[in-house]
Amino acid sequence: MELGEYIIQNRTTVRGAAKKFGVSKSTVHKDVAQRLKYVDPQLYRQVKQILEINKAQRHIRGGMATKMKYKKQ
């Protein structure tokens, strides 16, 4: 539940939450995408919305990261 609340409050990615809590991305994803559904369905729906937004935007973030990488060289 802490992971879900953190993702909602900070509108962060699975990777960001994993880094903050010191666990793997797989663990965070499994906790918020599968286990949270049974523990707190309302929180699960809120987290799912944020994860869907992140999923839709990830190609943009990846492109920006690549652009910045080559801009520095």
PDB file of N, CA and C in Angstrom:
ATOM      1  N   MET A   1       0.822  -1.186   0.000  1.00  0.00           N
ATOM      2  CA  MET A   1       0.000   0.000   0.000  1.00  0.00           C
ATOM      3  C   MET A   1       0.872   1.257   0.000  1.00  0.00           C
ATOM      4  N   GLU A   2       2.032   1.191   0.662  1.00  0.00           N
ATOM      5  CA  GLU A   2       2.931   2.342   0.682  1.00  0.00           C
ATOM      6  C   GLU A   2       3.415   2.672  -0.730  1.00  0.00           C
ATOM      7  N   LEU A   3       3.712   1.649  -1.499  1.00  0.00           N
ATOM      8  CA  LEU A   3       4.159   1.868  -2.875  1.00  0.00           C
ATOM      9  C   LEU A   3       3.077   2.561  -3.696  1.00  0.00           C
ATOM     10  N   GLY A   4       1.862   2.087  -3.563  1.00  0.00           N
ATOM     11  CA  GLY A   4       0.753   2.679  -4.289  1.00  0.00           C
ATOM     12  C   GLY A   4       0.532   4.127  -3.906  1.00  0.00           C
ATOM     13  N   GLU A   5       0.571   4.415  -2.637  1.00  0.00           N
ATOM     14  CA  GLU A   5       0.387   5.786  -2.162  1.00  0.00           C
ATOM     15  C   GLU A   5       1.515   6.680  -2.648  1.00  0.00           C
ATOM     16  N   TYR A   6       2.735   6.165  -2.645  1.00  0.00           N
ATOM     17  CA  TYR A   6       3.882   6.941  -3.124  1.00  0.00           C
ATOM     18  C   TYR A   6       3.734   7.263  -4.611  1.00  0.00           C
ATOM     19  N   ILE A   7       3.324   6.282  -5.401  1.00  0.00           N
ATOM     20  CA  ILE A   7       3.145   6.491  -6.838  1.00  0.00           C
ATOM     21  C   ILE A   7       2.071   7.547  -7.091  1.00  0.00           C
ATOM     22  N   ILE A   8       0.998   7.512  -6.332  1.00  0.00           N
ATOM     23  CA  ILE A   8      -0.083   8.486  -6.511  1.00  0.00           C
ATOM     24  C   ILE A   8       0.364   9.882  -6.087  1.00  0.00           C
ATOM     25  N   GLN A   9       0.969  10.002  -4.932  1.00  0.00           N
ATOM     26  CA  GLN A   9       1.356  11.310  -4.412  1.00  0.00           C
ATOM     27  C   GLN A   9       2.400  11.992  -5.294  1.00  0.00           C
ATOM     28  N   ASN A  10       3.343  11.211  -5.809  1.00  0.00           N
ATOM     29  CA  ASN A  10       4.444  11.790  -6.569  1.00  0.00           C
ATOM     30  C   ASN A  10       4.288  11.618  -8.077  1.00  0.00           C
ATOM     31  N   ARG A  11       3.220  10.923  -8.479  1.00  0.00           N
ATOM     32  CA  ARG A  11       2.958  10.654  -9.897  1.00  0.00           C
ATOM     33  C   ARG A  11       4.229  10.132 -10.574  1.00  0.00           C
ATOM     34  N   THR A  12       4.855   9.179  -9.901  1.00  0.00           N
ATOM     35  CA  THR A  12       6.131   8.639 -10.347  1.00  0.00           C
ATOM     36  C   THR A  12       5.946   7.352 -11.129  1.00  0.00           C
ATOM     37  N   THR A  13       7.023   6.876 -11.693  1.00  0.00           N
ATOM     38  CA  THR A  13       7.021   5.627 -12.445  1.00  0.00           C
ATOM     39  C   THR A  13       7.337   4.460 -11.520  1.00  0.00           C
ATOM     40  N   VAL A  14       7.177   3.267 -12.046  1.00  0.00           N
ATOM     41  CA  VAL A  14       7.540   2.067 -11.295  1.00  0.00           C
ATOM     42  C   VAL A  14       9.032   2.119 -10.967  1.00  0.00           C
ATOM     43  N   ARG A  15       9.824   2.567 -11.938  1.00  0.00           N
ATOM     44  CA  ARG A  15      11.269   2.669 -11.725  1.00  0.00           C
ATOM     45  C   ARG A  15      11.598   3.648 -10.601  1.00  0.00           C
ATOM     46  N   GLY A  16      10.914   4.784 -10.566  1.00  0.00           N
ATOM     47  CA  GLY A  16      11.147   5.782  -9.520  1.00  0.00           C
ATOM     48  C   GLY A  16      10.763   5.258  -8.142  1.00  0.00           C
ATOM     49  N   ALA A  17       9.650   4.561  -8.066  1.00  0.00           N
ATOM     50  CA  ALA A  17       9.216   3.990  -6.784  1.00  0.00           C
ATOM     51  C   ALA A  17      10.188   2.905  -6.324  1.00  0.00           C
ATOM     52  N   ALA A  18      10.657   2.106  -7.259  1.00  0.00           N
ATOM     53  CA  ALA A  18      11.606   1.044  -6.911  1.00  0.00           C
ATOM     54  C   ALA A  18      12.893   1.631  -6.340  1.00  0.00           C
ATOM     55  N   LYS A  19      13.356   2.695  -6.958  1.00  0.00           N
ATOM     56  CA  LYS A  19      14.577   3.345  -6.490  1.00  0.00           C
ATOM     57  C   LYS A  19      14.377   3.928  -5.092  1.00  0.00           C
ATOM     58  N   LYS A  20      13.233   4.567  -4.868  1.00  0.00           N
ATOM     59  CA  LYS A  20      12.945   5.182  -3.571  1.00  0.00           C
ATOM     60  C   LYS A  20      12.877   4.144  -2.450  1.00  0.00           C
ATOM     61  N   PHE A  21      12.251   2.994  -2.719  1.00  0.00           N
ATOM     62  CA  PHE A  21      12.057   1.980  -1.684  1.00  0.00           C
ATOM     63  C   PHE A  21      13.168   0.921  -1.661  1.00  0.00           C
ATOM     64  N   GLY A  22      14.087   0.990  -2.617  1.00  0.00           N
ATOM     65  CA  GLY A  22      15.214   0.054  -2.624  1.00  0.00           C
ATOM     66  C   GLY A  22      14.838  -1.371  -2.975  1.00  0.00           C
ATOM     67  N   VAL A  23      13.854  -1.531  -3.854  1.00  0.00           N
ATOM     68  CA  VAL A  23      13.445  -2.856  -4.315  1.00  0.00           C
ATOM     69  C   VAL A  23      13.489  -2.880  -5.840  1.00  0.00           C
ATOM     70  N   SER A  24      13.290  -4.054  -6.417  1.00  0.00           N
ATOM     71  CA  SER A  24      13.358  -4.168  -7.869  1.00  0.00           C
ATOM     72  C   SER A  24      12.085  -3.647  -8.531  1.00  0.00           C
ATOM     73  N   LYS A  25      12.204  -3.294  -9.815  1.00  0.00           N
ATOM     74  CA  LYS A  25      11.039  -2.850 -10.579  1.00  0.00           C
ATOM     75  C   LYS A  25      10.000  -3.953 -10.647  1.00  0.00           C
ATOM     76  N   SER A  26      10.460  -5.186 -10.754  1.00  0.00           N
ATOM     77  CA  SER A  26       9.541  -6.322 -10.828  1.00  0.00           C
ATOM     78  C   SER A  26       8.697  -6.436  -9.562  1.00  0.00           C
ATOM     79  N   THR A  27       9.326  -6.227  -8.430  1.00  0.00           N
ATOM     80  CA  THR A  27       8.622  -6.301  -7.152  1.00  0.00           C
ATOM     81  C   THR A  27       7.571  -5.205  -7.054  1.00  0.00           C
ATOM     82  N   VAL A  28       7.946  -3.985  -7.431  1.00  0.00           N
ATOM     83  CA  VAL A  28       7.001  -2.870  -7.386  1.00  0.00           C
ATOM     84  C   VAL A  28       5.829  -3.152  -8.312  1.00  0.00           C
ATOM     85  N   HIS A  29       6.128  -3.572  -9.527  1.00  0.00           N
ATOM     86  CA  HIS A  29       5.063  -3.819 -10.497  1.00  0.00           C
ATOM     87  C   HIS A  29       4.123  -4.912 -10.012  1.00  0.00           C
ATOM     88  N   LYS A  30       4.676  -5.998  -9.489  1.00  0.00           N
ATOM     89  CA  LYS A  30       3.834  -7.090  -9.007  1.00  0.00           C
ATOM     90  C   LYS A  30       2.969  -6.629  -7.826  1.00  0.00           C
ATOM     91  N   ASP A  31       3.554  -5.848  -6.940  1.00  0.00           N
ATOM     92  CA  ASP A  31       2.809  -5.361  -5.771  1.00  0.00           C
ATOM     93  C   ASP A  31       1.656  -4.443  -6.171  1.00  0.00           C
ATOM     94  N   VAL A  32       1.912  -3.499  -7.078  1.00  0.00           N
ATOM     95  CA  VAL A  32       0.865  -2.524  -7.401  1.00  0.00           C
ATOM     96  C   VAL A  32      -0.068  -2.984  -8.516  1.00  0.00           C
ATOM     97  N   ALA A  33       0.356  -3.911  -9.344  1.00  0.00           N
ATOM     98  CA  ALA A  33      -0.482  -4.353 -10.457  1.00  0.00           C
ATOM     99  C   ALA A  33      -1.271  -5.622 -10.145  1.00  0.00           C
ATOM    100  N   GLN A  34      -0.813  -6.414  -9.185  1.00  0.00           N
ATOM    101  CA  GLN A  34      -1.503  -7.669  -8.897  1.00  0.00           C
ATOM    102  C   GLN A  34      -1.987  -7.747  -7.458  1.00  0.00           C
ATOM    103  N   ARG A  35      -1.103  -7.569  -6.512  1.00  0.00           N
ATOM    104  CA  ARG A  35      -1.459  -7.756  -5.098  1.00  0.00           C
ATOM    105  C   ARG A  35      -2.359  -6.648  -4.561  1.00  0.00           C
ATOM    106  N   LEU A  36      -2.130  -5.418  -4.997  1.00  0.00           N
ATOM    107  CA  LEU A  36      -2.888  -4.286  -4.487  1.00  0.00           C
ATOM    108  C   LEU A  36      -4.374  -4.393  -4.831  1.00  0.00           C
ATOM    109  N   LYS A  37      -4.676  -5.064  -5.930  1.00  0.00           N
ATOM    110  CA  LYS A  37      -6.062  -5.234  -6.371  1.00  0.00           C
ATOM    111  C   LYS A  37      -6.908  -5.898  -5.278  1.00  0.00           C
ATOM    112  N   TYR A  38      -6.324  -6.822  -4.549  1.00  0.00           N
ATOM    113  CA  TYR A  38      -7.052  -7.562  -3.516  1.00  0.00           C
ATOM    114  C   TYR A  38      -6.988  -6.874  -2.150  1.00  0.00           C
ATOM    115  N   VAL A  39      -5.955  -6.087  -1.921  1.00  0.00           N
ATOM    116  CA  VAL A  39      -5.780  -5.422  -0.632  1.00  0.00           C
ATOM    117  C   VAL A  39      -6.614  -4.143  -0.559  1.00  0.00           C
ATOM    118  N   ASP A  40      -6.542  -3.309  -1.600  1.00  0.00           N
ATOM    119  CA  ASP A  40      -7.253  -2.022  -1.613  1.00  0.00           C
ATOM    120  C   ASP A  40      -7.663  -1.705  -3.051  1.00  0.00           C
ATOM    121  N   PRO A  41      -8.825  -2.162  -3.482  1.00  0.00           N
ATOM    122  CA  PRO A  41      -9.262  -1.970  -4.871  1.00  0.00           C
ATOM    123  C   PRO A  41      -9.335  -0.513  -5.320  1.00  0.00           C
ATOM    124  N   GLN A  42      -9.718   0.391  -4.439  1.00  0.00           N
ATOM    125  CA  GLN A  42      -9.813   1.805  -4.813  1.00  0.00           C
ATOM    126  C   GLN A  42      -8.420   2.379  -5.094  1.00  0.00           C
ATOM    127  N   LEU A  43      -7.473   2.089  -4.238  1.00  0.00           N
ATOM    128  CA  LEU A  43      -6.095   2.540  -4.428  1.00  0.00           C
ATOM    129  C   LEU A  43      -5.524   1.919  -5.702  1.00  0.00           C
ATOM    130  N   TYR A  44      -5.846   0.663  -5.937  1.00  0.00           N
ATOM    131  CA  TYR A  44      -5.393  -0.035  -7.149  1.00  0.00           C
ATOM    132  C   TYR A  44      -5.848   0.702  -8.403  1.00  0.00           C
ATOM    133  N   ARG A  45      -7.101   1.132  -8.433  1.00  0.00           N
ATOM    134  CA  ARG A  45      -7.622   1.829  -9.619  1.00  0.00           C
ATOM    135  C   ARG A  45      -6.892   3.152  -9.843  1.00  0.00           C
ATOM    136  N   GLN A  46      -6.578   3.865  -8.774  1.00  0.00           N
ATOM    137  CA  GLN A  46      -5.852   5.134  -8.898  1.00  0.00           C
ATOM    138  C   GLN A  46      -4.438   4.906  -9.412  1.00  0.00           C
ATOM    139  N   VAL A  47      -3.772   3.895  -8.879  1.00  0.00           N
ATOM    140  CA  VAL A  47      -2.411   3.577  -9.314  1.00  0.00           C
ATOM    141  C   VAL A  47      -2.425   3.121 -10.769  1.00  0.00           C
ATOM    142  N   LYS A  48      -3.413   2.337 -11.125  1.00  0.00           N
ATOM    143  CA  LYS A  48      -3.509   1.835 -12.501  1.00  0.00           C
ATOM    144  C   LYS A  48      -3.621   2.985 -13.497  1.00  0.00           C
ATOM    145  N   GLN A  49      -4.373   4.028 -13.152  1.00  0.00           N
ATOM    146  CA  GLN A  49      -4.498   5.188 -14.028  1.00  0.00           C
ATOM    147  C   GLN A  49      -3.140   5.849 -14.259  1.00  0.00           C
ATOM    148  N   ILE A  50      -2.381   6.019 -13.195  1.00  0.00           N
ATOM    149  CA  ILE A  50      -1.062   6.644 -13.315  1.00  0.00           C
ATOM    150  C   ILE A  50      -0.126   5.762 -14.126  1.00  0.00           C
ATOM    151  N   LEU A  51      -0.173   4.450 -13.901  1.00  0.00           N
ATOM    152  CA  LEU A  51       0.689   3.543 -14.659  1.00  0.00           C
ATOM    153  C   LEU A  51       0.331   3.546 -16.143  1.00  0.00           C
ATOM    154  N   GLU A  52      -0.941   3.689 -16.463  1.00  0.00           N
ATOM    155  CA  GLU A  52      -1.358   3.767 -17.862  1.00  0.00           C
ATOM    156  C   GLU A  52      -0.830   5.041 -18.515  1.00  0.00           C
ATOM    157  N   ILE A  53      -0.874   6.146 -17.792  1.00  0.00           N
ATOM    158  CA  ILE A  53      -0.326   7.409 -18.311  1.00  0.00           C
ATOM    159  C   ILE A  53       1.171   7.257 -18.545  1.00  0.00           C
ATOM    160  N   ASN A  54       1.871   6.674 -17.575  1.00  0.00           N
ATOM    161  CA  ASN A  54       3.314   6.457 -17.713  1.00  0.00           C
ATOM    162  C   ASN A  54       3.628   5.575 -18.907  1.00  0.00           C
ATOM    163  N   LYS A  55       2.825   4.545 -19.100  1.00  0.00           N
ATOM    164  CA  LYS A  55       3.035   3.631 -20.221  1.00  0.00           C
ATOM    165  C   LYS A  55       2.850   4.360 -21.549  1.00  0.00           C
ATOM    166  N   ALA A  56       1.873   5.231 -21.622  1.00  0.00           N
ATOM    167  CA  ALA A  56       1.620   5.983 -22.850  1.00  0.00           C
ATOM    168  C   ALA A  56       2.726   6.995 -23.130  1.00  0.00           C
ATOM    169  N   GLN A  57       3.395   7.473 -22.105  1.00  0.00           N
ATOM    170  CA  GLN A  57       4.417   8.505 -22.274  1.00  0.00           C
ATOM    171  C   GLN A  57       5.839   7.969 -22.318  1.00  0.00           C
ATOM    172  N   ARG A  58       6.038   6.699 -22.103  1.00  0.00           N
ATOM    173  CA  ARG A  58       7.413   6.194 -21.967  1.00  0.00           C
ATOM    174  C   ARG A  58       8.236   6.341 -23.227  1.00  0.00           C
ATOM    175  N   HIS A  59       7.624   6.243 -24.383  1.00  0.00           N
ATOM    176  CA  HIS A  59       8.392   6.411 -25.616  1.00  0.00           C
ATOM    177  C   HIS A  59       8.898   7.846 -25.749  1.00  0.00           C
ATOM    178  N   ILE A  60       8.154   8.793 -25.227  1.00  0.00           N
ATOM    179  CA  ILE A  60       8.577  10.191 -25.264  1.00  0.00           C
ATOM    180  C   ILE A  60       9.757  10.408 -24.320  1.00  0.00           C
ATOM    181  N   ARG A  61       9.651   9.857 -23.087  1.00  0.00           N
ATOM    182  CA  ARG A  61      10.750   9.990 -22.130  1.00  0.00           C
ATOM    183  C   ARG A  61      12.008   9.319 -22.645  1.00  0.00           C
ATOM    184  N   GLY A  62      11.857   8.163 -23.289  1.00  0.00           N
ATOM    185  CA  GLY A  62      13.014   7.466 -23.844  1.00  0.00           C
ATOM    186  C   GLY A  62      13.683   8.274 -24.934  1.00  0.00           C
ATOM    187  N   GLY A  63      12.879   8.890 -25.783  1.00  0.00           N
ATOM    188  CA  GLY A  63      13.419   9.727 -26.853  1.00  0.00           C
ATOM    189  C   GLY A  63      14.149  10.941 -26.307  1.00  0.00           C
ATOM    190  N   MET A  64      13.596  11.542 -25.270  1.00  0.00           N
ATOM    191  CA  MET A  64      14.241  12.707 -24.657  1.00  0.00           C
ATOM    192  C   MET A  64      15.561  12.310 -24.000  1.00  0.00           C
ATOM    193  N   ALA A  65      15.593  11.153 -23.371  1.00  0.00           N
ATOM    194  CA  ALA A  65      16.829  10.686 -22.739  1.00  0.00           C
ATOM    195  C   ALA A  65      17.914  10.461 -23.786  1.00  0.00           C
ATOM    196  N   THR A  66      17.541   9.890 -24.917  1.00  0.00           N
ATOM    197  CA  THR A  66      18.503   9.664 -25.995  1.00  0.00           C
ATOM    198  C   THR A  66      18.990  10.993 -26.560  1.00  0.00           C
ATOM    199  N   LYS A  67      18.086  11.921 -26.734  1.00  0.00           N
ATOM    200  CA  LYS A  67      18.445  13.241 -27.248  1.00  0.00           C
ATOM    201  C   LYS A  67      19.454  13.921 -26.318  1.00  0.00           C
ATOM    202  N   MET A  68      19.191  13.870 -25.015  1.00  0.00           N
ATOM    203  CA  MET A  68      20.097  14.482 -24.047  1.00  0.00           C
ATOM    204  C   MET A  68      21.449  13.787 -24.029  1.00  0.00           C
ATOM    205  N   LYS A  69      21.448  12.478 -24.190  1.00  0.00           N
ATOM    206  CA  LYS A  69      22.696  11.712 -24.193  1.00  0.00           C
ATOM    207  C   LYS A  69      23.608  12.172 -25.321  1.00  0.00           C
ATOM    208  N   TYR A  70      23.051  12.311 -26.515  1.00  0.00           N
ATOM    209  CA  TYR A  70      23.862  12.692 -27.650  1.00  0.00           C
ATOM    210  C   TYR A  70      24.138  14.183 -27.702  1.00  0.00           C
ATOM    211  N   LYS A  71      23.333  14.967 -27.056  1.00  0.00           N
ATOM    212  CA  LYS A  71      23.553  16.408 -26.993  1.00  0.00           C
ATOM    213  C   LYS A  71      24.796  16.711 -26.143  1.00  0.00           C
ATOM    214  N   LYS A  72      25.030  15.909 -25.115  1.00  0.00           N
ATOM    215  CA  LYS A  72      26.168  16.108 -24.232  1.00  0.00           C
ATOM    216  C   LYS A  72      27.483  15.692 -24.893  1.00  0.00           C
ATOM    217  N   GLN A  73      27.423  14.819 -25.889  1.00  0.00           N
ATOM    218  CA  GLN A  73      28.658  14.309 -26.507  1.00  0.00           C
ATOM    219  C   GLN A  73      29.234  15.259 -27.495  1.00  0.00           C
TER     220      GLN A  73
END
